[in-house]
Amino acid sequence: MTETTAKPKPNLREKGRLMSASEIERTLVRLAHEIVEKNNGATNVGLVGIKRRGVPLAQRLGALISKIEKHPVDVGVLDISFYRDDLSTAGTRPTVTPGAIGFDVNGRDIILMDDVLYTGRTIRAALDALFDHGRPKSVQLLVLIDRGHRELPIEATFTGRTVPTSSREIIEVKLNEVDGNEQVLLVELVDPA
């Protein structure tokens, strides 16, 4: 009989709240206006949220931009689990389900959305997945939090907030649609005593 060793969960200590629900909402309103301004409106814009927390961000921004522009904005979902380069370290292999974004990306100004930009690997995987769906006119990146520590040359076009972090710190974005509460926390890995 072989014994499997479960990987212990890291000990996390909350260092502080970076954004409240109202601060997240104000930031999204600002970002919606920046998107409209940078793209001279939103007639050719399509919003694509990276699963998980990029999706509610895209949906909320789609609603905000629709109010500003007085017409609906296409919002889609991108599942990148098959495109990640860290599958072997991610534990069990994900189930691959080819999924449609929800609208045609060809010739569109696509705004790719995620909650946190860190190494850039998630965005690289998202670009691979996006281009398997078609050829956009342009791709811009929107993130709620940019925490630095890039491993790839990727930069956000739209950033909610830049939060310099150490390698032991983690940004936890909590959204009502996914987590049942709304806030952005800075937490730190602590060594078990």
C-alpha atoms as a PDB file:
ATOM      1  CA  MET A   1       0.000   0.000   0.000  1.00  0.00           C
ATOM      2  CA  THR A   2       1.459   3.335  -1.028  1.00  0.00           C
ATOM      3  CA  GLU A   3       0.962   6.385   1.032  1.00  0.00           C
ATOM      4  CA  THR A   4       0.166   9.634  -0.743  1.00  0.00           C
ATOM      5  CA  THR A   5       1.369  12.808   0.838  1.00  0.00           C
ATOM      6  CA  ALA A   6      -1.058  15.657   0.589  1.00  0.00           C
ATOM      7  CA  LYS A   7       0.543  18.991  -0.015  1.00  0.00           C
ATOM      8  CA  PRO A   8      -0.113  21.168   3.042  1.00  0.00           C
ATOM      9  CA  LYS A   9      -2.078  24.336   2.401  1.00  0.00           C
ATOM     10  CA  PRO A  10       0.050  27.430   2.746  1.00  0.00           C
ATOM     11  CA  ASN A  11      -0.471  29.533   5.830  1.00  0.00           C
ATOM     12  CA  LEU A  12      -1.729  32.942   4.819  1.00  0.00           C
ATOM     13  CA  ARG A  13      -1.884  36.061   6.940  1.00  0.00           C
ATOM     14  CA  GLU A  14      -4.047  38.972   5.875  1.00  0.00           C
ATOM     15  CA  LYS A  15      -1.961  42.147   5.667  1.00  0.00           C
ATOM     16  CA  GLY A  16      -4.707  44.508   4.649  1.00  0.00           C
ATOM     17  CA  ARG A  17      -7.651  45.323   2.462  1.00  0.00           C
ATOM     18  CA  LEU A  18      -6.620  47.110  -0.722  1.00  0.00           C
ATOM     19  CA  MET A  19     -10.087  47.773  -2.133  1.00  0.00           C
ATOM     20  CA  SER A  20     -13.602  47.693  -0.742  1.00  0.00           C
ATOM     21  CA  ALA A  21     -16.708  46.874  -2.788  1.00  0.00           C
ATOM     22  CA  SER A  22     -17.359  50.583  -3.415  1.00  0.00           C
ATOM     23  CA  GLU A  23     -13.723  51.152  -4.455  1.00  0.00           C
ATOM     24  CA  ILE A  24     -13.968  48.259  -6.924  1.00  0.00           C
ATOM     25  CA  GLU A  25     -17.157  49.751  -8.363  1.00  0.00           C
ATOM     26  CA  ARG A  26     -15.629  53.247  -8.714  1.00  0.00           C
ATOM     27  CA  THR A  27     -12.559  51.729 -10.378  1.00  0.00           C
ATOM     28  CA  LEU A  28     -14.721  49.850 -12.896  1.00  0.00           C
ATOM     29  CA  VAL A  29     -16.645  53.041 -13.729  1.00  0.00           C
ATOM     30  CA  ARG A  30     -13.326  54.817 -14.396  1.00  0.00           C
ATOM     31  CA  LEU A  31     -12.065  51.918 -16.514  1.00  0.00           C
ATOM     32  CA  ALA A  32     -15.298  51.878 -18.555  1.00  0.00           C
ATOM     33  CA  HIS A  33     -14.803  55.554 -19.412  1.00  0.00           C
ATOM     34  CA  GLU A  34     -11.126  54.935 -20.288  1.00  0.00           C
ATOM     35  CA  ILE A  35     -12.121  52.105 -22.655  1.00  0.00           C
ATOM     36  CA  VAL A  36     -14.667  54.311 -24.432  1.00  0.00           C
ATOM     37  CA  GLU A  37     -12.202  57.197 -24.690  1.00  0.00           C
ATOM     38  CA  LYS A  38      -9.270  55.110 -25.957  1.00  0.00           C
ATOM     39  CA  ASN A  39     -11.425  53.297 -28.533  1.00  0.00           C
ATOM     40  CA  ASN A  40     -13.389  56.362 -29.739  1.00  0.00           C
ATOM     41  CA  GLY A  41     -16.602  54.765 -28.569  1.00  0.00           C
ATOM     42  CA  ALA A  42     -17.392  51.094 -28.339  1.00  0.00           C
ATOM     43  CA  THR A  43     -18.933  50.145 -31.679  1.00  0.00           C
ATOM     44  CA  ASN A  44     -16.127  47.703 -32.558  1.00  0.00           C
ATOM     45  CA  VAL A  45     -15.213  46.711 -28.985  1.00  0.00           C
ATOM     46  CA  GLY A  46     -15.684  43.200 -27.651  1.00  0.00           C
ATOM     47  CA  LEU A  47     -14.975  42.356 -24.010  1.00  0.00           C
ATOM     48  CA  VAL A  48     -13.537  38.927 -23.192  1.00  0.00           C
ATOM     49  CA  GLY A  49     -13.206  37.779 -19.589  1.00  0.00           C
ATOM     50  CA  ILE A  50     -10.666  35.120 -18.677  1.00  0.00           C
ATOM     51  CA  LYS A  51     -12.292  32.446 -16.523  1.00  0.00           C
ATOM     52  CA  ARG A  52     -12.873  32.812 -13.483  1.00  0.00           C
ATOM     53  CA  ARG A  53     -12.717  36.313 -12.121  1.00  0.00           C
ATOM     54  CA  GLY A  54     -12.163  38.028 -15.462  1.00  0.00           C
ATOM     55  CA  VAL A  55     -15.682  37.005 -16.497  1.00  0.00           C
ATOM     56  CA  PRO A  56     -17.656  39.050 -13.936  1.00  0.00           C
ATOM     57  CA  LEU A  57     -15.317  41.995 -14.568  1.00  0.00           C
ATOM     58  CA  ALA A  58     -16.107  41.802 -18.300  1.00  0.00           C
ATOM     59  CA  GLN A  59     -19.848  41.497 -17.614  1.00  0.00           C
ATOM     60  CA  ARG A  60     -19.863  44.498 -15.272  1.00  0.00           C
ATOM     61  CA  LEU A  61     -17.790  46.613 -17.645  1.00  0.00           C
ATOM     62  CA  GLY A  62     -20.042  45.584 -20.529  1.00  0.00           C
ATOM     63  CA  ALA A  63     -23.065  46.881 -18.624  1.00  0.00           C
ATOM     64  CA  LEU A  64     -21.272  50.130 -17.704  1.00  0.00           C
ATOM     65  CA  ILE A  65     -20.076  50.760 -21.273  1.00  0.00           C
ATOM     66  CA  SER A  66     -23.558  49.973 -22.636  1.00  0.00           C
ATOM     67  CA  LYS A  67     -24.983  52.708 -20.375  1.00  0.00           C
ATOM     68  CA  ILE A  68     -22.330  55.196 -21.490  1.00  0.00           C
ATOM     69  CA  GLU A  69     -22.637  54.409 -25.204  1.00  0.00           C
ATOM     70  CA  LYS A  70     -26.399  53.710 -25.259  1.00  0.00           C
ATOM     71  CA  HIS A  71     -25.945  50.384 -27.082  1.00  0.00           C
ATOM     72  CA  PRO A  72     -25.017  46.847 -26.034  1.00  0.00           C
ATOM     73  CA  VAL A  73     -21.412  45.656 -26.023  1.00  0.00           C
ATOM     74  CA  ASP A  74     -20.476  42.045 -26.808  1.00  0.00           C
ATOM     75  CA  VAL A  75     -19.135  40.207 -23.755  1.00  0.00           C
ATOM     76  CA  GLY A  76     -17.573  36.773 -23.971  1.00  0.00           C
ATOM     77  CA  VAL A  77     -15.808  34.137 -21.889  1.00  0.00           C
ATOM     78  CA  LEU A  78     -12.377  32.615 -22.485  1.00  0.00           C
ATOM     79  CA  ASP A  79     -11.353  29.346 -20.825  1.00  0.00           C
ATOM     80  CA  ILE A  80      -7.572  29.007 -20.914  1.00  0.00           C
ATOM     81  CA  SER A  81      -7.102  25.861 -18.818  1.00  0.00           C
ATOM     82  CA  PHE A  82      -5.888  23.842 -21.829  1.00  0.00           C
ATOM     83  CA  TYR A  83      -3.445  26.570 -22.903  1.00  0.00           C
ATOM     84  CA  ARG A  84      -1.523  26.979 -19.649  1.00  0.00           C
ATOM     85  CA  ASP A  85       2.147  26.025 -19.673  1.00  0.00           C
ATOM     86  CA  ASP A  86       2.037  24.866 -16.048  1.00  0.00           C
ATOM     87  CA  LEU A  87      -0.375  21.951 -16.479  1.00  0.00           C
ATOM     88  CA  SER A  88       2.110  19.425 -15.117  1.00  0.00           C
ATOM     89  CA  THR A  89       2.476  21.385 -11.878  1.00  0.00           C
ATOM     90  CA  ALA A  90      -1.209  22.203 -11.536  1.00  0.00           C
ATOM     91  CA  GLY A  91      -2.135  18.820 -10.069  1.00  0.00           C
ATOM     92  CA  THR A  92      -4.807  16.902 -11.919  1.00  0.00           C
ATOM     93  CA  ARG A  93      -5.029  17.677 -15.585  1.00  0.00           C
ATOM     94  CA  PRO A  94      -7.998  19.874 -16.460  1.00  0.00           C
ATOM     95  CA  THR A  95     -10.833  18.590 -18.568  1.00  0.00           C
ATOM     96  CA  VAL A  96     -10.563  20.134 -21.995  1.00  0.00           C
ATOM     97  CA  THR A  97     -13.821  21.532 -23.251  1.00  0.00           C
ATOM     98  CA  PRO A  98     -13.559  23.559 -26.424  1.00  0.00           C
ATOM     99  CA  GLY A  99     -15.819  26.520 -25.875  1.00  0.00           C
ATOM    100  CA  ALA A 100     -16.916  29.428 -27.951  1.00  0.00           C
ATOM    101  CA  ILE A 101     -16.211  32.936 -26.716  1.00  0.00           C
ATOM    102  CA  GLY A 102     -19.778  33.918 -27.535  1.00  0.00           C
ATOM    103  CA  PHE A 103     -19.211  36.290 -30.459  1.00  0.00           C
ATOM    104  CA  ASP A 104     -17.004  36.579 -33.543  1.00  0.00           C
ATOM    105  CA  VAL A 105     -13.652  38.158 -32.628  1.00  0.00           C
ATOM    106  CA  ASN A 106     -12.453  38.631 -36.224  1.00  0.00           C
ATOM    107  CA  GLY A 107     -11.703  42.283 -36.995  1.00  0.00           C
ATOM    108  CA  ARG A 108     -12.813  43.420 -33.530  1.00  0.00           C
ATOM    109  CA  ASP A 109     -11.029  45.520 -30.919  1.00  0.00           C
ATOM    110  CA  ILE A 110     -10.872  42.930 -28.140  1.00  0.00           C
ATOM    111  CA  ILE A 111     -10.309  43.881 -24.537  1.00  0.00           C
ATOM    112  CA  LEU A 112      -9.052  40.869 -22.614  1.00  0.00           C
ATOM    113  CA  MET A 113      -9.827  41.023 -18.889  1.00  0.00           C
ATOM    114  CA  ASP A 114      -8.379  39.381 -15.803  1.00  0.00           C
ATOM    115  CA  ASP A 115      -8.372  40.195 -12.112  1.00  0.00           C
ATOM    116  CA  VAL A 116      -4.600  40.200 -11.393  1.00  0.00           C
ATOM    117  CA  LEU A 117      -1.575  40.595 -13.666  1.00  0.00           C
ATOM    118  CA  TYR A 118       1.496  38.927 -12.176  1.00  0.00           C
ATOM    119  CA  THR A 119       4.010  36.928 -14.257  1.00  0.00           C
ATOM    120  CA  GLY A 120       2.164  37.336 -17.564  1.00  0.00           C
ATOM    121  CA  ARG A 121       1.792  33.583 -18.127  1.00  0.00           C
ATOM    122  CA  THR A 122      -2.008  33.618 -17.839  1.00  0.00           C
ATOM    123  CA  ILE A 123      -2.212  36.379 -20.441  1.00  0.00           C
ATOM    124  CA  ARG A 124       0.145  34.531 -22.795  1.00  0.00           C
ATOM    125  CA  ALA A 125      -2.115  31.483 -22.532  1.00  0.00           C
ATOM    126  CA  ALA A 126      -5.190  33.684 -23.061  1.00  0.00           C
ATOM    127  CA  LEU A 127      -3.691  35.183 -26.234  1.00  0.00           C
ATOM    128  CA  ASP A 128      -3.040  31.676 -27.596  1.00  0.00           C
ATOM    129  CA  ALA A 129      -6.637  30.700 -26.828  1.00  0.00           C
ATOM    130  CA  LEU A 130      -8.062  33.949 -28.235  1.00  0.00           C
ATOM    131  CA  PHE A 131      -6.224  33.608 -31.550  1.00  0.00           C
ATOM    132  CA  ASP A 132      -7.555  30.064 -31.918  1.00  0.00           C
ATOM    133  CA  HIS A 133     -11.002  31.737 -32.139  1.00  0.00           C
ATOM    134  CA  GLY A 134     -10.057  34.228 -34.857  1.00  0.00           C
ATOM    135  CA  ARG A 135      -8.002  37.302 -35.689  1.00  0.00           C
ATOM    136  CA  PRO A 136      -8.976  40.445 -33.821  1.00  0.00           C
ATOM    137  CA  LYS A 137      -8.088  43.879 -35.197  1.00  0.00           C
ATOM    138  CA  SER A 138      -6.418  44.651 -31.858  1.00  0.00           C
ATOM    139  CA  VAL A 139      -6.086  43.182 -28.381  1.00  0.00           C
ATOM    140  CA  GLN A 140      -5.899  45.360 -25.283  1.00  0.00           C
ATOM    141  CA  LEU A 141      -5.481  44.073 -21.747  1.00  0.00           C
ATOM    142  CA  LEU A 142      -7.452  45.231 -18.709  1.00  0.00           C
ATOM    143  CA  VAL A 143      -6.608  44.089 -15.176  1.00  0.00           C
ATOM    144  CA  LEU A 144      -8.066  45.133 -11.864  1.00  0.00           C
ATOM    145  CA  ILE A 145      -4.673  44.779 -10.112  1.00  0.00           C
ATOM    146  CA  ASP A 146      -1.147  44.843 -11.567  1.00  0.00           C
ATOM    147  CA  ARG A 147       1.282  43.465  -9.002  1.00  0.00           C
ATOM    148  CA  GLY A 148       4.488  43.411 -11.041  1.00  0.00           C
ATOM    149  CA  HIS A 149       7.010  40.517 -11.140  1.00  0.00           C
ATOM    150  CA  ARG A 150       6.688  39.928 -14.883  1.00  0.00           C
ATOM    151  CA  GLU A 151       8.320  36.869 -16.446  1.00  0.00           C
ATOM    152  CA  LEU A 152       7.024  37.796 -19.905  1.00  0.00           C
ATOM    153  CA  PRO A 153       6.954  41.184 -21.667  1.00  0.00           C
ATOM    154  CA  ILE A 154       3.253  41.847 -21.113  1.00  0.00           C
ATOM    155  CA  GLU A 155       1.759  45.156 -20.045  1.00  0.00           C
ATOM    156  CA  ALA A 156      -1.849  46.120 -19.342  1.00  0.00           C
ATOM    157  CA  THR A 157      -3.506  48.833 -21.423  1.00  0.00           C
ATOM    158  CA  PHE A 158      -5.992  49.514 -18.617  1.00  0.00           C
ATOM    159  CA  THR A 159      -5.120  49.030 -14.941  1.00  0.00           C
ATOM    160  CA  GLY A 160      -7.419  49.481 -11.980  1.00  0.00           C
ATOM    161  CA  ARG A 161      -4.594  49.749  -9.472  1.00  0.00           C
ATOM    162  CA  THR A 162      -0.875  48.992  -9.370  1.00  0.00           C
ATOM    163  CA  VAL A 163       0.207  47.277  -6.154  1.00  0.00           C
ATOM    164  CA  PRO A 164       3.920  46.466  -5.807  1.00  0.00           C
ATOM    165  CA  THR A 165       4.264  43.175  -3.944  1.00  0.00           C
ATOM    166  CA  SER A 166       6.971  40.868  -2.661  1.00  0.00           C
ATOM    167  CA  SER A 167       7.214  37.274  -3.839  1.00  0.00           C
ATOM    168  CA  ARG A 168       5.710  36.149  -0.500  1.00  0.00           C
ATOM    169  CA  GLU A 169       2.630  38.329  -0.917  1.00  0.00           C
ATOM    170  CA  ILE A 170      -0.534  37.345  -2.754  1.00  0.00           C
ATOM    171  CA  ILE A 171      -3.370  39.505  -4.026  1.00  0.00           C
ATOM    172  CA  GLU A 172      -6.779  37.943  -3.400  1.00  0.00           C
ATOM    173  CA  VAL A 173      -9.587  39.420  -5.492  1.00  0.00           C
ATOM    174  CA  LYS A 174     -13.004  38.465  -4.186  1.00  0.00           C
ATOM    175  CA  LEU A 175     -16.034  39.135  -6.382  1.00  0.00           C
ATOM    176  CA  ASN A 176     -19.669  38.538  -5.427  1.00  0.00           C
ATOM    177  CA  GLU A 177     -20.349  36.440  -8.528  1.00  0.00           C
ATOM    178  CA  VAL A 178     -17.559  33.962  -7.681  1.00  0.00           C
ATOM    179  CA  ASP A 179     -16.824  34.320  -3.977  1.00  0.00           C
ATOM    180  CA  GLY A 180     -19.983  35.689  -2.393  1.00  0.00           C
ATOM    181  CA  ASN A 181     -18.199  38.812  -1.145  1.00  0.00           C
ATOM    182  CA  GLU A 182     -16.482  41.796  -2.667  1.00  0.00           C
ATOM    183  CA  GLN A 183     -13.005  43.081  -1.803  1.00  0.00           C
ATOM    184  CA  VAL A 184      -9.334  42.952  -2.717  1.00  0.00           C
ATOM    185  CA  LEU A 185      -6.969  41.693  -0.027  1.00  0.00           C
ATOM    186  CA  LEU A 186      -3.202  41.615   0.360  1.00  0.00           C
ATOM    187  CA  VAL A 187      -2.147  38.419   2.099  1.00  0.00           C
ATOM    188  CA  GLU A 188       1.279  37.040   2.943  1.00  0.00           C
ATOM    189  CA  LEU A 189       2.657  33.509   3.076  1.00  0.00           C
ATOM    190  CA  VAL A 190       3.856  32.759   6.580  1.00  0.00           C
ATOM    191  CA  ASP A 191       6.151  29.937   7.607  1.00  0.00           C
ATOM    192  CA  PRO A 192       4.456  27.359   9.826  1.00  0.00           C
ATOM    193  CA  ALA A 193       5.646  27.752  13.408  1.00  0.00           C
END
